[in-house]
């Protein structure tokens, strides 16, 4: 799968990198943030926006804005049109654009990640109190990013 270019509402464009090129070193901070902030992301639009911005920093490989790429300067996202950024976030939150976050079911070692487009947990883990937690695509990509 190659990266893809998409037209933005402003008339500009944004290019996303191939999600299969994401390394574990790049994935780990997103998983840590999602796990640490799971409750806030379920309840706070700002927490979801922060996660989506971190994902944008990882995935945007080019754009028509006369700004540094967010992977080089994350604060550049603050100067992007809100409508464009919402569009980018919505596209990034689609399961096919973040397969690297789907680690399958840890309770079933034979389970492999399901095909794209299936609603399922992005990951599941156990807290120190042995209570399972999971983060779903729906939790991450709630209506505030649509």
Protein backbone atom coordinates (compact mmCIF):
# COMPACT_ATOMS: atom_id res chain seq x y z
CA UNK A 1 0.00 0.00 0.00
CA UNK A 2 1.35 3.39 -0.96
CA UNK A 3 0.71 6.65 0.77
CA UNK A 4 -2.13 8.66 -0.67
CA UNK A 5 -2.91 12.22 -1.51
CA UNK A 6 -6.26 13.73 -0.58
CA UNK A 7 -7.94 16.98 -1.48
CA UNK A 8 -8.78 19.25 1.44
CA UNK A 9 -11.91 21.40 1.85
CA UNK A 10 -9.81 24.57 1.41
CA UNK A 11 -8.69 23.44 -2.04
CA UNK A 12 -5.26 22.38 -0.81
CA UNK A 13 -3.99 18.82 -0.47
CA UNK A 14 -2.43 16.55 2.10
CA UNK A 15 -0.37 13.43 1.52
CA UNK A 16 -0.44 10.56 3.99
CA UNK A 17 2.35 8.06 4.26
CA UNK A 18 1.81 4.37 3.78
CA UNK A 19 0.48 3.13 7.15
CA UNK A 20 2.37 -0.14 6.66
CA UNK A 21 5.64 1.81 6.87
CA UNK A 22 5.05 2.80 10.52
CA UNK A 23 7.63 1.24 12.82
CA UNK A 24 7.09 -0.04 16.33
CA UNK A 25 9.25 2.86 17.58
CA UNK A 26 6.75 5.26 15.99
CA UNK A 27 3.69 3.30 17.12
CA UNK A 28 4.64 2.94 20.78
CA UNK A 29 4.09 6.61 21.82
CA UNK A 30 0.60 6.56 20.28
CA UNK A 31 -0.32 3.39 22.16
CA UNK A 32 1.12 4.76 25.40
CA UNK A 33 -0.85 7.99 25.01
CA UNK A 34 -4.06 6.17 24.14
CA UNK A 35 -3.71 3.80 27.08
CA UNK A 36 -2.77 6.55 29.53
CA UNK A 37 -5.57 8.89 28.37
CA UNK A 38 -8.30 6.36 27.50
CA UNK A 39 -10.85 7.76 29.96
CA UNK A 40 -10.16 11.37 28.95
CA UNK A 41 -10.49 10.49 25.26
CA UNK A 42 -13.90 8.97 25.91
CA UNK A 43 -15.03 12.14 27.69
CA UNK A 44 -13.03 15.03 26.25
CA UNK A 45 -12.96 16.46 22.74
CA UNK A 46 -9.60 18.08 23.53
CA UNK A 47 -8.05 14.75 24.49
CA UNK A 48 -9.30 13.21 21.23
CA UNK A 49 -7.98 16.21 19.31
CA UNK A 50 -4.58 15.80 20.98
CA UNK A 51 -4.44 12.11 20.01
CA UNK A 52 -5.52 12.90 16.44
CA UNK A 53 -2.84 15.61 16.21
CA UNK A 54 -0.19 13.11 17.30
CA UNK A 55 -1.43 10.70 14.65
CA UNK A 56 -1.31 13.53 12.05
CA UNK A 57 2.30 14.29 13.04
CA UNK A 58 3.17 10.68 12.33
CA UNK A 59 1.19 10.20 9.14
CA UNK A 60 1.36 13.47 7.14
CA UNK A 61 4.19 13.20 4.63
CA UNK A 62 3.42 16.29 2.56
CA UNK A 63 0.90 19.09 2.12
CA UNK A 64 0.14 22.27 0.22
CA UNK A 65 0.39 24.49 3.30
CA UNK A 66 3.38 26.83 3.40
CA UNK A 67 4.24 25.44 6.83
CA UNK A 68 6.70 22.85 8.09
CA UNK A 69 5.36 19.31 8.17
CA UNK A 70 3.82 18.46 11.54
CA UNK A 71 6.30 15.61 12.01
CA UNK A 72 9.07 18.23 11.97
CA UNK A 73 7.16 20.92 13.87
CA UNK A 74 3.95 19.73 15.57
CA UNK A 75 2.86 23.31 16.33
CA UNK A 76 2.35 23.82 12.56
CA UNK A 77 -1.03 22.10 13.00
CA UNK A 78 -2.20 25.14 14.98
CA UNK A 79 -2.04 27.25 11.80
CA UNK A 80 -3.99 24.84 9.59
CA UNK A 81 -7.62 25.60 8.75
CA UNK A 82 -9.86 23.91 11.34
CA UNK A 83 -12.02 22.47 8.55
CA UNK A 84 -8.95 21.00 6.83
CA UNK A 85 -7.62 19.61 10.08
CA UNK A 86 -10.98 18.03 10.95
CA UNK A 87 -11.03 16.43 7.50
CA UNK A 88 -7.47 15.11 7.96
CA UNK A 89 -8.31 13.76 11.43
CA UNK A 90 -11.43 12.02 10.14
CA UNK A 91 -9.46 10.34 7.35
CA UNK A 92 -6.65 9.32 9.70
CA UNK A 93 -9.08 7.75 12.17
CA UNK A 94 -10.39 5.30 9.59
CA UNK A 95 -9.19 1.78 10.46
CA UNK A 96 -7.50 1.31 7.08
CA UNK A 97 -5.29 4.34 7.80
CA UNK A 98 -4.01 3.05 11.14
CA UNK A 99 -3.68 -0.74 10.90
CA UNK A 100 -0.49 -0.50 12.94
CA UNK A 101 -2.63 0.14 16.05
CA UNK A 102 -4.56 -3.12 15.64
CA UNK A 103 -2.66 -5.69 17.65
CA UNK A 104 -5.36 -8.38 17.66
CA UNK A 105 -6.85 -9.99 20.75
CA UNK A 106 -4.20 -10.54 23.45
CA UNK A 107 -6.47 -13.08 25.15
CA UNK A 108 -6.24 -15.34 22.09
CA UNK A 109 -2.63 -15.83 20.93
CA UNK A 110 -3.90 -17.41 17.70
CA UNK A 111 -5.99 -14.36 16.85
CA UNK A 112 -4.70 -12.10 14.16
CA UNK A 113 -5.90 -8.61 13.38
CA UNK A 114 -9.22 -8.60 11.54
CA UNK A 115 -9.58 -7.16 8.03
CA UNK A 116 -9.89 -3.39 7.69
CA UNK A 117 -13.33 -1.92 8.17
CA UNK A 118 -14.34 -4.24 11.01
CA UNK A 119 -15.23 -2.48 14.26
CA UNK A 120 -13.00 -3.89 17.00
CA UNK A 121 -10.66 -2.80 19.79
CA UNK A 122 -7.46 -1.15 18.63
CA UNK A 123 -5.73 -2.79 21.54
CA UNK A 124 -6.55 -4.26 24.88
CA UNK A 125 -4.38 -4.56 27.92
CA UNK A 126 -4.64 -5.11 31.64
CA UNK A 127 -4.13 -2.47 34.29
CA UNK A 128 -2.25 -3.11 37.51
CA UNK A 129 -5.58 -3.94 39.14
CA UNK A 130 -6.09 -6.67 36.49
CA UNK A 131 -9.10 -4.90 34.98
CA UNK A 132 -9.13 -5.13 31.18
CA UNK A 133 -9.20 -1.89 29.23
CA UNK A 134 -9.71 -1.43 25.53
CA UNK A 135 -9.70 1.46 23.13
CA UNK A 136 -11.90 1.24 20.06
CA UNK A 137 -11.82 3.14 16.80
CA UNK A 138 -15.20 4.55 17.81
CA UNK A 139 -13.75 5.83 21.11
CA UNK A 140 -10.83 7.53 19.40
CA UNK A 141 -12.76 8.89 16.44
CA UNK A 142 -15.89 10.20 18.12
CA UNK A 143 -18.19 12.79 16.65
CA UNK A 144 -15.99 15.77 17.50
CA UNK A 145 -13.56 14.66 14.80
CA UNK A 146 -16.17 13.81 12.17
